[in-house]
Structures are given as structure tokens and as C-alpha cells.
Amino acid sequence: QVQVVESGGGLVQNGGSLRLSCAASGIIFKLNDMGWYRQAPGKQRELVSTITSSGRTNYADSVKGRFTISRDNAKNTVYLQMNSLKPEDTAVYYCNTATSNWINYDYWGQGTQVTVSS
């Protein structure tokens, strides 16, 4: 089973940037599609971005053009570069594998808090 450690969150002003990192273990990382997810206070967790094992990327409409997902298979790490951050991006960000069943996952890491001030 996958285990993940997310890092890189923090407090940033409107329009700022952050780079999140996620170190994964317990899986053959290079064979797995990976995703970033987020959960804002009072809201359900949502899918932000995914990257397939072959490097194909996908983004939620709300972050398209501002966020970039990437992966380093040698380091078993997936990244999320977040630019032009907005207050509505404030959330706890999580990474995990990316499958169609992600909403039913019973394992999530501790996440990393991103707070964007207006």
C-alpha cells in the first residue's frame, strides 16, 4: 500500500507561488499514475491534477494554466508547482495514486496546508 509524505505548503500572498513535493513509498512508483488533491474547510476533497506513469498530465479547470504537475521516478516523488495563487486555492493538499476509485481511498497522508492571503 502506498505511503506518502507531502511537504512544501505555507502562507503566501495572492499571486504568489509554492512548490509542493510528495515522496511516495510502498508501491512501484514508476508504474503508478499519481495525483494531487485538496480539501478546503467545509468542502469535499477534490482532484486537482494527475500525471500518468508515462507523464501525461491533466488538470482541474480551476487550476489549469497556473499549476504544473511533474514527477521524478528516480526519487519516487511527485511535485506540484503552483503559480498565480488565489485565496480560493487555500486548502490542505494531499497526494496519492490516481485511479477512478480515489474518492473511496481509505489512506491519505497528513497533507500540507496551503494558505493564500488576499
PDB file of N, CA and C in Angstrom:
ATOM      1  N   GLN A   1       0.847  -1.188   0.000  1.00  0.00           N
ATOM      2  CA  GLN A   1       0.000   0.000   0.000  1.00  0.00           C
ATOM      3  C   GLN A   1       0.886   1.243   0.000  1.00  0.00           C
ATOM      4  N   VAL A   2       0.413   2.252  -0.733  1.00  0.00           N
ATOM      5  CA  VAL A   2       1.188   3.480  -0.828  1.00  0.00           C
ATOM      6  C   VAL A   2       1.258   4.177   0.514  1.00  0.00           C
ATOM      7  N   GLN A   3       2.383   4.789   0.758  1.00  0.00           N
ATOM      8  CA  GLN A   3       2.546   5.733   1.850  1.00  0.00           C
ATOM      9  C   GLN A   3       3.145   6.990   1.258  1.00  0.00           C
ATOM     10  N   VAL A   4       2.666   8.147   1.708  1.00  0.00           N
ATOM     11  CA  VAL A   4       3.123   9.402   1.132  1.00  0.00           C
ATOM     12  C   VAL A   4       3.460  10.399   2.236  1.00  0.00           C
ATOM     13  N   VAL A   5       4.385  11.286   1.927  1.00  0.00           N
ATOM     14  CA  VAL A   5       4.713  12.401   2.800  1.00  0.00           C
ATOM     15  C   VAL A   5       4.715  13.655   1.945  1.00  0.00           C
ATOM     16  N   GLU A   6       3.750  14.544   2.214  1.00  0.00           N
ATOM     17  CA  GLU A   6       3.632  15.791   1.470  1.00  0.00           C
ATOM     18  C   GLU A   6       4.361  16.902   2.212  1.00  0.00           C
ATOM     19  N   SER A   7       4.908  17.838   1.454  1.00  0.00           N
ATOM     20  CA  SER A   7       5.600  18.973   2.047  1.00  0.00           C
ATOM     21  C   SER A   7       5.569  20.147   1.089  1.00  0.00           C
ATOM     22  N   GLY A   8       5.956  21.308   1.613  1.00  0.00           N
ATOM     23  CA  GLY A   8       6.101  22.482   0.762  1.00  0.00           C
ATOM     24  C   GLY A   8       5.014  23.530   0.897  1.00  0.00           C
ATOM     25  N   GLY A   9       3.998  23.240   1.689  1.00  0.00           N
ATOM     26  CA  GLY A   9       2.936  24.217   1.866  1.00  0.00           C
ATOM     27  C   GLY A   9       3.387  25.403   2.694  1.00  0.00           C
ATOM     28  N   GLY A  10       2.497  26.369   2.816  1.00  0.00           N
ATOM     29  CA  GLY A  10       2.817  27.547   3.612  1.00  0.00           C
ATOM     30  C   GLY A  10       1.817  28.649   3.377  1.00  0.00           C
ATOM     31  N   LEU A  11       2.153  29.817   3.893  1.00  0.00           N
ATOM     32  CA  LEU A  11       1.332  31.021   3.748  1.00  0.00           C
ATOM     33  C   LEU A  11       1.944  31.878   2.653  1.00  0.00           C
ATOM     34  N   VAL A  12       1.142  32.266   1.697  1.00  0.00           N
ATOM     35  CA  VAL A  12       1.626  33.063   0.577  1.00  0.00           C
ATOM     36  C   VAL A  12       0.575  34.112   0.228  1.00  0.00           C
ATOM     37  N   GLN A  13       1.019  35.208  -0.322  1.00  0.00           N
ATOM     38  CA  GLN A  13       0.088  36.257  -0.726  1.00  0.00           C
ATOM     39  C   GLN A  13      -0.576  35.938  -2.060  1.00  0.00           C
ATOM     40  N   ASN A  14      -1.696  36.561  -2.283  1.00  0.00           N
ATOM     41  CA  ASN A  14      -2.408  36.456  -3.550  1.00  0.00           C
ATOM     42  C   ASN A  14      -1.434  36.733  -4.702  1.00  0.00           C
ATOM     43  N   GLY A  15      -1.393  35.795  -5.653  1.00  0.00           N
ATOM     44  CA  GLY A  15      -0.489  35.941  -6.788  1.00  0.00           C
ATOM     45  C   GLY A  15       0.852  35.267  -6.605  1.00  0.00           C
ATOM     46  N   GLY A  16       1.110  34.737  -5.425  1.00  0.00           N
ATOM     47  CA  GLY A  16       2.386  34.108  -5.139  1.00  0.00           C
ATOM     48  C   GLY A  16       2.490  32.683  -5.669  1.00  0.00           C
ATOM     49  N   SER A  17       3.604  32.052  -5.333  1.00  0.00           N
ATOM     50  CA  SER A  17       3.883  30.694  -5.825  1.00  0.00           C
ATOM     51  C   SER A  17       4.355  29.796  -4.694  1.00  0.00           C
ATOM     52  N   LEU A  18       4.096  28.527  -4.858  1.00  0.00           N
ATOM     53  CA  LEU A  18       4.600  27.490  -3.964  1.00  0.00           C
ATOM     54  C   LEU A  18       4.877  26.239  -4.787  1.00  0.00           C
ATOM     55  N   ARG A  19       5.787  25.431  -4.298  1.00  0.00           N
ATOM     56  CA  ARG A  19       6.051  24.133  -4.928  1.00  0.00           C
ATOM     57  C   ARG A  19       5.874  23.038  -3.885  1.00  0.00           C
ATOM     58  N   LEU A  20       4.923  22.188  -4.130  1.00  0.00           N
ATOM     59  CA  LEU A  20       4.668  21.071  -3.230  1.00  0.00           C
ATOM     60  C   LEU A  20       5.428  19.836  -3.696  1.00  0.00           C
ATOM     61  N   SER A  21       5.835  19.031  -2.725  1.00  0.00           N
ATOM     62  CA  SER A  21       6.510  17.774  -3.013  1.00  0.00           C
ATOM     63  C   SER A  21       5.791  16.639  -2.296  1.00  0.00           C
ATOM     64  N   CYS A  22       5.869  15.472  -2.889  1.00  0.00           N
ATOM     65  CA  CYS A  22       5.262  14.296  -2.287  1.00  0.00           C
ATOM     66  C   CYS A  22       6.178  13.101  -2.516  1.00  0.00           C
ATOM     67  N   ALA A  23       6.710  12.572  -1.428  1.00  0.00           N
ATOM     68  CA  ALA A  23       7.552  11.386  -1.501  1.00  0.00           C
ATOM     69  C   ALA A  23       6.693  10.152  -1.236  1.00  0.00           C
ATOM     70  N   ALA A  24       6.724   9.226  -2.162  1.00  0.00           N
ATOM     71  CA  ALA A  24       5.882   8.038  -2.062  1.00  0.00           C
ATOM     72  C   ALA A  24       6.720   6.795  -1.826  1.00  0.00           C
ATOM     73  N   SER A  25       6.145   5.839  -1.127  1.00  0.00           N
ATOM     74  CA  SER A  25       6.778   4.546  -0.905  1.00  0.00           C
ATOM     75  C   SER A  25       5.693   3.473  -0.837  1.00  0.00           C
ATOM     76  N   GLY A  26       6.138   2.213  -0.838  1.00  0.00           N
ATOM     77  CA  GLY A  26       5.186   1.115  -0.733  1.00  0.00           C
ATOM     78  C   GLY A  26       4.592   0.665  -2.046  1.00  0.00           C
ATOM     79  N   ILE A  27       4.953   1.341  -3.122  1.00  0.00           N
ATOM     80  CA  ILE A  27       4.450   0.988  -4.450  1.00  0.00           C
ATOM     81  C   ILE A  27       5.609   1.028  -5.435  1.00  0.00           C
ATOM     82  N   ILE A  28       5.396   0.449  -6.597  1.00  0.00           N
ATOM     83  CA  ILE A  28       6.358   0.631  -7.688  1.00  0.00           C
ATOM     84  C   ILE A  28       5.987   1.956  -8.338  1.00  0.00           C
ATOM     85  N   PHE A  29       6.641   3.000  -7.865  1.00  0.00           N
ATOM     86  CA  PHE A  29       6.227   4.361  -8.180  1.00  0.00           C
ATOM     87  C   PHE A  29       6.124   4.594  -9.674  1.00  0.00           C
ATOM     88  N   LYS A  30       7.110   4.169 -10.431  1.00  0.00           N
ATOM     89  CA  LYS A  30       7.160   4.499 -11.851  1.00  0.00           C
ATOM     90  C   LYS A  30       5.996   3.868 -12.633  1.00  0.00           C
ATOM     91  N   LEU A  31       5.338   2.891 -12.058  1.00  0.00           N
ATOM     92  CA  LEU A  31       4.235   2.227 -12.739  1.00  0.00           C
ATOM     93  C   LEU A  31       2.866   2.805 -12.384  1.00  0.00           C
ATOM     94  N   ASN A  32       2.852   3.748 -11.455  1.00  0.00           N
ATOM     95  CA  ASN A  32       1.594   4.274 -10.949  1.00  0.00           C
ATOM     96  C   ASN A  32       1.303   5.678 -11.442  1.00  0.00           C
ATOM     97  N   ASP A  33       0.045   5.904 -11.816  1.00  0.00           N
ATOM     98  CA  ASP A  33      -0.427   7.266 -12.022  1.00  0.00           C
ATOM     99  C   ASP A  33      -0.537   7.919 -10.648  1.00  0.00           C
ATOM    100  N   MET A  34      -0.173   9.194 -10.584  1.00  0.00           N
ATOM    101  CA  MET A  34      -0.204   9.916  -9.311  1.00  0.00           C
ATOM    102  C   MET A  34      -1.063  11.168  -9.431  1.00  0.00           C
ATOM    103  N   GLY A  35      -1.568  11.597  -8.290  1.00  0.00           N
ATOM    104  CA  GLY A  35      -2.428  12.776  -8.312  1.00  0.00           C
ATOM    105  C   GLY A  35      -2.240  13.663  -7.101  1.00  0.00           C
ATOM    106  N   TRP A  36      -2.576  14.910  -7.276  1.00  0.00           N
ATOM    107  CA  TRP A  36      -2.687  15.881  -6.177  1.00  0.00           C
ATOM    108  C   TRP A  36      -4.166  16.176  -5.965  1.00  0.00           C
ATOM    109  N   TYR A  37      -4.532  16.249  -4.716  1.00  0.00           N
ATOM    110  CA  TYR A  37      -5.898  16.502  -4.317  1.00  0.00           C
ATOM    111  C   TYR A  37      -5.879  17.616  -3.282  1.00  0.00           C
ATOM    112  N   ARG A  38      -7.020  18.229  -3.040  1.00  0.00           N
ATOM    113  CA  ARG A  38      -7.075  19.252  -1.996  1.00  0.00           C
ATOM    114  C   ARG A  38      -8.441  19.246  -1.334  1.00  0.00           C
ATOM    115  N   GLN A  39      -8.445  19.704  -0.105  1.00  0.00           N
ATOM    116  CA  GLN A  39      -9.695  19.813   0.647  1.00  0.00           C
ATOM    117  C   GLN A  39      -9.691  21.139   1.392  1.00  0.00           C
ATOM    118  N   ALA A  40     -10.623  21.977   1.037  1.00  0.00           N
ATOM    119  CA  ALA A  40     -10.802  23.260   1.701  1.00  0.00           C
ATOM    120  C   ALA A  40     -11.751  23.083   2.875  1.00  0.00           C
ATOM    121  N   PRO A  41     -11.685  23.972   3.851  1.00  0.00           N
ATOM    122  CA  PRO A  41     -12.570  23.853   5.019  1.00  0.00           C
ATOM    123  C   PRO A  41     -14.035  23.808   4.611  1.00  0.00           C
ATOM    124  N   GLY A  42     -14.754  22.814   5.134  1.00  0.00           N
ATOM    125  CA  GLY A  42     -16.171  22.703   4.848  1.00  0.00           C
ATOM    126  C   GLY A  42     -16.522  22.158   3.488  1.00  0.00           C
ATOM    127  N   LYS A  43     -15.515  21.753   2.734  1.00  0.00           N
ATOM    128  CA  LYS A  43     -15.758  21.235   1.381  1.00  0.00           C
ATOM    129  C   LYS A  43     -15.237  19.808   1.242  1.00  0.00           C
ATOM    130  N   GLN A  44     -15.718  19.138   0.228  1.00  0.00           N
ATOM    131  CA  GLN A  44     -15.228  17.798  -0.055  1.00  0.00           C
ATOM    132  C   GLN A  44     -13.861  17.856  -0.709  1.00  0.00           C
ATOM    133  N   ARG A  45     -13.132  16.783  -0.555  1.00  0.00           N
ATOM    134  CA  ARG A  45     -11.839  16.668  -1.216  1.00  0.00           C
ATOM    135  C   ARG A  45     -12.070  16.646  -2.732  1.00  0.00           C
ATOM    136  N   GLU A  46     -11.194  17.330  -3.453  1.00  0.00           N
ATOM    137  CA  GLU A  46     -11.321  17.371  -4.906  1.00  0.00           C
ATOM    138  C   GLU A  46     -10.002  17.049  -5.576  1.00  0.00           C
ATOM    139  N   LEU A  47     -10.114  16.549  -6.788  1.00  0.00           N
ATOM    140  CA  LEU A  47      -8.939  16.218  -7.574  1.00  0.00           C
ATOM    141  C   LEU A  47      -8.415  17.485  -8.253  1.00  0.00           C
ATOM    142  N   VAL A  48      -7.137  17.730  -8.076  1.00  0.00           N
ATOM    143  CA  VAL A  48      -6.521  18.937  -8.637  1.00  0.00           C
ATOM    144  C   VAL A  48      -5.799  18.621  -9.944  1.00  0.00           C
ATOM    145  N   SER A  49      -4.982  17.575  -9.915  1.00  0.00           N
ATOM    146  CA  SER A  49      -4.156  17.275 -11.083  1.00  0.00           C
ATOM    147  C   SER A  49      -3.678  15.837 -11.012  1.00  0.00           C
ATOM    148  N   THR A  50      -3.460  15.256 -12.173  1.00  0.00           N
ATOM    149  CA  THR A  50      -2.909  13.904 -12.239  1.00  0.00           C
ATOM    150  C   THR A  50      -1.774  13.844 -13.253  1.00  0.00           C
ATOM    151  N   ILE A  51      -0.909  12.871 -13.053  1.00  0.00           N
ATOM    152  CA  ILE A  51       0.152  12.591 -14.015  1.00  0.00           C
ATOM    153  C   ILE A  51       0.245  11.077 -14.153  1.00  0.00           C
ATOM    154  N   THR A  52       0.197  10.613 -15.381  1.00  0.00           N
ATOM    155  CA  THR A  52       0.255   9.169 -15.598  1.00  0.00           C
ATOM    156  C   THR A  52       1.685   8.666 -15.485  1.00  0.00           C
ATOM    157  N   SER A  53       1.815   7.362 -15.485  1.00  0.00           N
ATOM    158  CA  SER A  53       3.142   6.751 -15.416  1.00  0.00           C
ATOM    159  C   SER A  53       3.995   7.156 -16.616  1.00  0.00           C
ATOM    160  N   SER A  54       3.344   7.496 -17.712  1.00  0.00           N
ATOM    161  CA  SER A  54       4.068   7.905 -18.916  1.00  0.00           C
ATOM    162  C   SER A  54       4.260   9.413 -19.010  1.00  0.00           C
ATOM    163  N   GLY A  55       3.742  10.141 -18.010  1.00  0.00           N
ATOM    164  CA  GLY A  55       3.962  11.581 -17.966  1.00  0.00           C
ATOM    165  C   GLY A  55       2.853  12.446 -18.525  1.00  0.00           C
ATOM    166  N   ARG A  56       1.753  11.849 -18.899  1.00  0.00           N
ATOM    167  CA  ARG A  56       0.634  12.646 -19.397  1.00  0.00           C
ATOM    168  C   ARG A  56      -0.067  13.326 -18.223  1.00  0.00           C
ATOM    169  N   THR A  57      -0.369  14.590 -18.378  1.00  0.00           N
ATOM    170  CA  THR A  57      -0.925  15.369 -17.274  1.00  0.00           C
ATOM    171  C   THR A  57      -2.359  15.796 -17.538  1.00  0.00           C
ATOM    172  N   ASN A  58      -3.058  16.074 -16.437  1.00  0.00           N
ATOM    173  CA  ASN A  58      -4.435  16.557 -16.517  1.00  0.00           C
ATOM    174  C   ASN A  58      -4.672  17.487 -15.328  1.00  0.00           C
ATOM    175  N   TYR A  59      -5.521  18.493 -15.541  1.00  0.00           N
ATOM    176  CA  TYR A  59      -5.751  19.493 -14.503  1.00  0.00           C
ATOM    177  C   TYR A  59      -7.234  19.811 -14.367  1.00  0.00           C
ATOM    178  N   ALA A  60      -7.627  20.128 -13.147  1.00  0.00           N
ATOM    179  CA  ALA A  60      -8.957  20.683 -12.933  1.00  0.00           C
ATOM    180  C   ALA A  60      -9.021  22.044 -13.616  1.00  0.00           C
ATOM    181  N   ASP A  61     -10.194  22.393 -14.091  1.00  0.00           N
ATOM    182  CA  ASP A  61     -10.341  23.667 -14.793  1.00  0.00           C
ATOM    183  C   ASP A  61      -9.917  24.850 -13.921  1.00  0.00           C
ATOM    184  N   SER A  62     -10.129  24.733 -12.624  1.00  0.00           N
ATOM    185  CA  SER A  62      -9.851  25.841 -11.714  1.00  0.00           C
ATOM    186  C   SER A  62      -8.363  26.149 -11.580  1.00  0.00           C
ATOM    187  N   VAL A  63      -7.505  25.209 -11.957  1.00  0.00           N
ATOM    188  CA  VAL A  63      -6.054  25.430 -11.795  1.00  0.00           C
ATOM    189  C   VAL A  63      -5.306  25.388 -13.122  1.00  0.00           C
ATOM    190  N   LYS A  64      -6.023  25.089 -14.188  1.00  0.00           N
ATOM    191  CA  LYS A  64      -5.378  24.968 -15.498  1.00  0.00           C
ATOM    192  C   LYS A  64      -4.684  26.267 -15.870  1.00  0.00           C
ATOM    193  N   GLY A  65      -3.433  26.137 -16.319  1.00  0.00           N
ATOM    194  CA  GLY A  65      -2.660  27.308 -16.696  1.00  0.00           C
ATOM    195  C   GLY A  65      -1.892  27.935 -15.549  1.00  0.00           C
ATOM    196  N   ARG A  66      -2.182  27.521 -14.325  1.00  0.00           N
ATOM    197  CA  ARG A  66      -1.488  28.079 -13.148  1.00  0.00           C
ATOM    198  C   ARG A  66      -0.661  27.029 -12.422  1.00  0.00           C
ATOM    199  N   PHE A  67      -1.114  25.799 -12.431  1.00  0.00           N
ATOM    200  CA  PHE A  67      -0.420  24.716 -11.718  1.00  0.00           C
ATOM    201  C   PHE A  67       0.236  23.782 -12.730  1.00  0.00           C
ATOM    202  N   THR A  68       1.365  23.210 -12.323  1.00  0.00           N
ATOM    203  CA  THR A  68       2.058  22.231 -13.157  1.00  0.00           C
ATOM    204  C   THR A  68       2.463  21.041 -12.303  1.00  0.00           C
ATOM    205  N   ILE A  69       2.038  19.864 -12.702  1.00  0.00           N
ATOM    206  CA  ILE A  69       2.416  18.636 -12.005  1.00  0.00           C
ATOM    207  C   ILE A  69       3.581  17.998 -12.744  1.00  0.00           C
ATOM    208  N   SER A  70       4.483  17.400 -11.979  1.00  0.00           N
ATOM    209  CA  SER A  70       5.611  16.699 -12.579  1.00  0.00           C
ATOM    210  C   SER A  70       6.019  15.559 -11.648  1.00  0.00           C
ATOM    211  N   ARG A  71       6.884  14.704 -12.133  1.00  0.00           N
ATOM    212  CA  ARG A  71       7.315  13.580 -11.312  1.00  0.00           C
ATOM    213  C   ARG A  71       8.771  13.271 -11.594  1.00  0.00           C
ATOM    214  N   ASP A  72       9.433  12.712 -10.580  1.00  0.00           N
ATOM    215  CA  ASP A  72      10.805  12.247 -10.705  1.00  0.00           C
ATOM    216  C   ASP A  72      10.806  10.798 -10.239  1.00  0.00           C
ATOM    217  N   ASN A  73      10.799   9.885 -11.173  1.00  0.00           N
ATOM    218  CA  ASN A  73      10.703   8.471 -10.822  1.00  0.00           C
ATOM    219  C   ASN A  73      11.948   7.971 -10.082  1.00  0.00           C
ATOM    220  N   ALA A  74      13.081   8.599 -10.313  1.00  0.00           N
ATOM    221  CA  ALA A  74      14.296   8.200  -9.610  1.00  0.00           C
ATOM    222  C   ALA A  74      14.205   8.512  -8.120  1.00  0.00           C
ATOM    223  N   LYS A  75      13.391   9.508  -7.786  1.00  0.00           N
ATOM    224  CA  LYS A  75      13.237   9.926  -6.389  1.00  0.00           C
ATOM    225  C   LYS A  75      11.887   9.516  -5.802  1.00  0.00           C
ATOM    226  N   ASN A  76      11.081   8.806  -6.587  1.00  0.00           N
ATOM    227  CA  ASN A  76       9.737   8.411  -6.125  1.00  0.00           C
ATOM    228  C   ASN A  76       8.966   9.627  -5.608  1.00  0.00           C
ATOM    229  N   THR A  77       9.061  10.716  -6.335  1.00  0.00           N
ATOM    230  CA  THR A  77       8.491  11.977  -5.881  1.00  0.00           C
ATOM    231  C   THR A  77       7.647  12.619  -6.976  1.00  0.00           C
ATOM    232  N   VAL A  78       6.526  13.179  -6.560  1.00  0.00           N
ATOM    233  CA  VAL A  78       5.685  13.958  -7.463  1.00  0.00           C
ATOM    234  C   VAL A  78       5.605  15.384  -6.923  1.00  0.00           C
ATOM    235  N   TYR A  79       5.579  16.341  -7.838  1.00  0.00           N
ATOM    236  CA  TYR A  79       5.608  17.759  -7.481  1.00  0.00           C
ATOM    237  C   TYR A  79       4.358  18.461  -7.996  1.00  0.00           C
ATOM    238  N   LEU A  80       4.059  19.589  -7.365  1.00  0.00           N
ATOM    239  CA  LEU A  80       3.010  20.459  -7.873  1.00  0.00           C
ATOM    240  C   LEU A  80       3.519  21.892  -7.758  1.00  0.00           C
ATOM    241  N   GLN A  81       3.850  22.473  -8.890  1.00  0.00           N
ATOM    242  CA  GLN A  81       4.238  23.879  -8.935  1.00  0.00           C
ATOM    243  C   GLN A  81       2.979  24.710  -9.065  1.00  0.00           C
ATOM    244  N   MET A  82       2.775  25.596  -8.119  1.00  0.00           N
ATOM    245  CA  MET A  82       1.561  26.408  -8.086  1.00  0.00           C
ATOM    246  C   MET A  82       1.938  27.869  -8.245  1.00  0.00           C
ATOM    247  N   ASN A  83       1.507  28.474  -9.318  1.00  0.00           N
ATOM    248  CA  ASN A  83       1.760  29.891  -9.592  1.00  0.00           C
ATOM    249  C   ASN A  83       0.444  30.662  -9.596  1.00  0.00           C
ATOM    250  N   SER A  84       0.553  31.969  -9.504  1.00  0.00           N
ATOM    251  CA  SER A  84      -0.628  32.843  -9.526  1.00  0.00           C
ATOM    252  C   SER A  84      -1.688  32.352  -8.552  1.00  0.00           C
ATOM    253  N   LEU A  85      -1.260  32.059  -7.353  1.00  0.00           N
ATOM    254  CA  LEU A  85      -2.170  31.517  -6.356  1.00  0.00           C
ATOM    255  C   LEU A  85      -3.255  32.519  -5.983  1.00  0.00           C
ATOM    256  N   LYS A  86      -4.426  31.978  -5.700  1.00  0.00           N
ATOM    257  CA  LYS A  86      -5.592  32.781  -5.344  1.00  0.00           C
ATOM    258  C   LYS A  86      -6.091  32.346  -3.965  1.00  0.00           C
ATOM    259  N   PRO A  87      -6.813  33.213  -3.274  1.00  0.00           N
ATOM    260  CA  PRO A  87      -7.359  32.810  -1.965  1.00  0.00           C
ATOM    261  C   PRO A  87      -8.189  31.528  -2.031  1.00  0.00           C
ATOM    262  N   GLU A  88      -8.864  31.308  -3.137  1.00  0.00           N
ATOM    263  CA  GLU A  88      -9.682  30.100  -3.258  1.00  0.00           C
ATOM    264  C   GLU A  88      -8.859  28.827  -3.427  1.00  0.00           C
ATOM    265  N   ASP A  89      -7.554  28.959  -3.560  1.00  0.00           N
ATOM    266  CA  ASP A  89      -6.671  27.780  -3.573  1.00  0.00           C
ATOM    267  C   ASP A  89      -6.325  27.315  -2.165  1.00  0.00           C
ATOM    268  N   THR A  90      -6.723  28.082  -1.169  1.00  0.00           N
ATOM    269  CA  THR A  90      -6.453  27.715   0.219  1.00  0.00           C
ATOM    270  C   THR A  90      -7.102  26.375   0.545  1.00  0.00           C
ATOM    271  N   ALA A  91      -6.279  25.440   1.017  1.00  0.00           N
ATOM    272  CA  ALA A  91      -6.748  24.082   1.293  1.00  0.00           C
ATOM    273  C   ALA A  91      -5.594  23.264   1.857  1.00  0.00           C
ATOM    274  N   VAL A  92      -5.918  22.095   2.340  1.00  0.00           N
ATOM    275  CA  VAL A  92      -4.895  21.092   2.624  1.00  0.00           C
ATOM    276  C   VAL A  92      -4.719  20.272   1.351  1.00  0.00           C
ATOM    277  N   TYR A  93      -3.475  20.156   0.912  1.00  0.00           N
ATOM    278  CA  TYR A  93      -3.166  19.455  -0.320  1.00  0.00           C
ATOM    279  C   TYR A  93      -2.601  18.066   0.014  1.00  0.00           C
ATOM    280  N   TYR A  94      -3.106  17.088  -0.684  1.00  0.00           N
ATOM    281  CA  TYR A  94      -2.707  15.699  -0.494  1.00  0.00           C
ATOM    282  C   TYR A  94      -2.245  15.111  -1.825  1.00  0.00           C
ATOM    283  N   CYS A  95      -1.375  14.128  -1.734  1.00  0.00           N
ATOM    284  CA  CYS A  95      -1.083  13.358  -2.931  1.00  0.00           C
ATOM    285  C   CYS A  95      -1.437  11.896  -2.659  1.00  0.00           C
ATOM    286  N   ASN A  96      -1.616  11.177  -3.735  1.00  0.00           N
ATOM    287  CA  ASN A  96      -1.955   9.773  -3.644  1.00  0.00           C
ATOM    288  C   ASN A  96      -1.844   9.190  -5.048  1.00  0.00           C
ATOM    289  N   THR A  97      -2.045   7.908  -5.168  1.00  0.00           N
ATOM    290  CA  THR A  97      -2.151   7.353  -6.500  1.00  0.00           C
ATOM    291  C   THR A  97      -3.407   7.926  -7.152  1.00  0.00           C
ATOM    292  N   ALA A  98      -3.500   7.810  -8.445  1.00  0.00           N
ATOM    293  CA  ALA A  98      -4.639   8.359  -9.179  1.00  0.00           C
ATOM    294  C   ALA A  98      -5.360   7.233  -9.901  1.00  0.00           C
ATOM    295  N   THR A  99      -6.500   6.876  -9.372  1.00  0.00           N
ATOM    296  CA  THR A  99      -7.354   5.895 -10.038  1.00  0.00           C
ATOM    297  C   THR A  99      -8.778   6.442 -10.055  1.00  0.00           C
ATOM    298  N   SER A 100      -9.655   5.766 -10.771  1.00  0.00           N
ATOM    299  CA  SER A 100     -11.043   6.224 -10.834  1.00  0.00           C
ATOM    300  C   SER A 100     -11.753   6.042  -9.501  1.00  0.00           C
ATOM    301  N   ASN A 101     -11.151   5.288  -8.582  1.00  0.00           N
ATOM    302  CA  ASN A 101     -11.766   4.996  -7.288  1.00  0.00           C
ATOM    303  C   ASN A 101     -11.205   5.860  -6.170  1.00  0.00           C
ATOM    304  N   TRP A 102     -10.526   6.959  -6.520  1.00  0.00           N
ATOM    305  CA  TRP A 102      -9.805   7.716  -5.489  1.00  0.00           C
ATOM    306  C   TRP A 102     -10.730   8.215  -4.393  1.00  0.00           C
ATOM    307  N   ILE A 103     -11.975   8.492  -4.722  1.00  0.00           N
ATOM    308  CA  ILE A 103     -12.909   9.041  -3.735  1.00  0.00           C
ATOM    309  C   ILE A 103     -13.143   8.060  -2.593  1.00  0.00           C
ATOM    310  N   ASN A 104     -12.868   6.791  -2.821  1.00  0.00           N
ATOM    311  CA  ASN A 104     -13.084   5.760  -1.796  1.00  0.00           C
ATOM    312  C   ASN A 104     -11.801   5.319  -1.104  1.00  0.00           C
ATOM    313  N   TYR A 105     -10.707   5.991  -1.377  1.00  0.00           N
ATOM    314  CA  TYR A 105      -9.451   5.628  -0.727  1.00  0.00           C
ATOM    315  C   TYR A 105      -9.615   5.713   0.791  1.00  0.00           C
ATOM    316  N   ASP A 106      -9.015   4.768   1.502  1.00  0.00           N
ATOM    317  CA  ASP A 106      -9.036   4.845   2.961  1.00  0.00           C
ATOM    318  C   ASP A 106      -7.700   5.301   3.532  1.00  0.00           C
ATOM    319  N   TYR A 107      -6.711   5.524   2.669  1.00  0.00           N
ATOM    320  CA  TYR A 107      -5.430   6.026   3.145  1.00  0.00           C
ATOM    321  C   TYR A 107      -5.157   7.389   2.530  1.00  0.00           C
ATOM    322  N   TRP A 108      -4.830   8.325   3.386  1.00  0.00           N
ATOM    323  CA  TRP A 108      -4.350   9.638   2.970  1.00  0.00           C
ATOM    324  C   TRP A 108      -3.216  10.039   3.890  1.00  0.00           C
ATOM    325  N   GLY A 109      -2.241  10.706   3.355  1.00  0.00           N
ATOM    326  CA  GLY A 109      -1.169  11.230   4.171  1.00  0.00           C
ATOM    327  C   GLY A 109      -1.650  12.385   5.023  1.00  0.00           C
ATOM    328  N   GLN A 110      -0.702  13.046   5.675  1.00  0.00           N
ATOM    329  CA  GLN A 110      -1.084  14.147   6.566  1.00  0.00           C
ATOM    330  C   GLN A 110      -1.418  15.420   5.800  1.00  0.00           C
ATOM    331  N   GLY A 111      -1.014  15.461   4.546  1.00  0.00           N
ATOM    332  CA  GLY A 111      -1.274  16.644   3.731  1.00  0.00           C
ATOM    333  C   GLY A 111      -0.350  17.799   4.085  1.00  0.00           C
ATOM    334  N   THR A 112      -0.438  18.848   3.282  1.00  0.00           N
ATOM    335  CA  THR A 112       0.323  20.063   3.538  1.00  0.00           C
ATOM    336  C   THR A 112      -0.594  21.254   3.332  1.00  0.00           C
ATOM    337  N   GLN A 113      -0.597  22.153   4.301  1.00  0.00           N
ATOM    338  CA  GLN A 113      -1.522  23.285   4.288  1.00  0.00           C
ATOM    339  C   GLN A 113      -1.010  24.389   3.364  1.00  0.00           C
ATOM    340  N   VAL A 114      -1.870  24.838   2.485  1.00  0.00           N
ATOM    341  CA  VAL A 114      -1.592  25.999   1.650  1.00  0.00           C
ATOM    342  C   VAL A 114      -2.616  27.072   1.996  1.00  0.00           C
ATOM    343  N   THR A 115      -2.117  28.238   2.370  1.00  0.00           N
ATOM    344  CA  THR A 115      -2.989  29.357   2.706  1.00  0.00           C
ATOM    345  C   THR A 115      -2.586  30.553   1.856  1.00  0.00           C
ATOM    346  N   VAL A 116      -3.543  31.074   1.110  1.00  0.00           N
ATOM    347  CA  VAL A 116      -3.294  32.222   0.248  1.00  0.00           C
ATOM    348  C   VAL A 116      -4.066  33.405   0.811  1.00  0.00           C
ATOM    349  N   SER A 117      -3.345  34.430   1.203  1.00  0.00           N
ATOM    350  CA  SER A 117      -3.983  35.616   1.780  1.00  0.00           C
ATOM    351  C   SER A 117      -4.359  36.604   0.681  1.00  0.00           C
ATOM    352  N   SER A 118      -5.437  37.283   0.910  1.00  0.00           N
ATOM    353  CA  SER A 118      -5.919  38.248  -0.094  1.00  0.00           C
ATOM    354  C   SER A 118      -5.360  39.633   0.151  1.00  0.00           C
TER     355      SER A 118
END
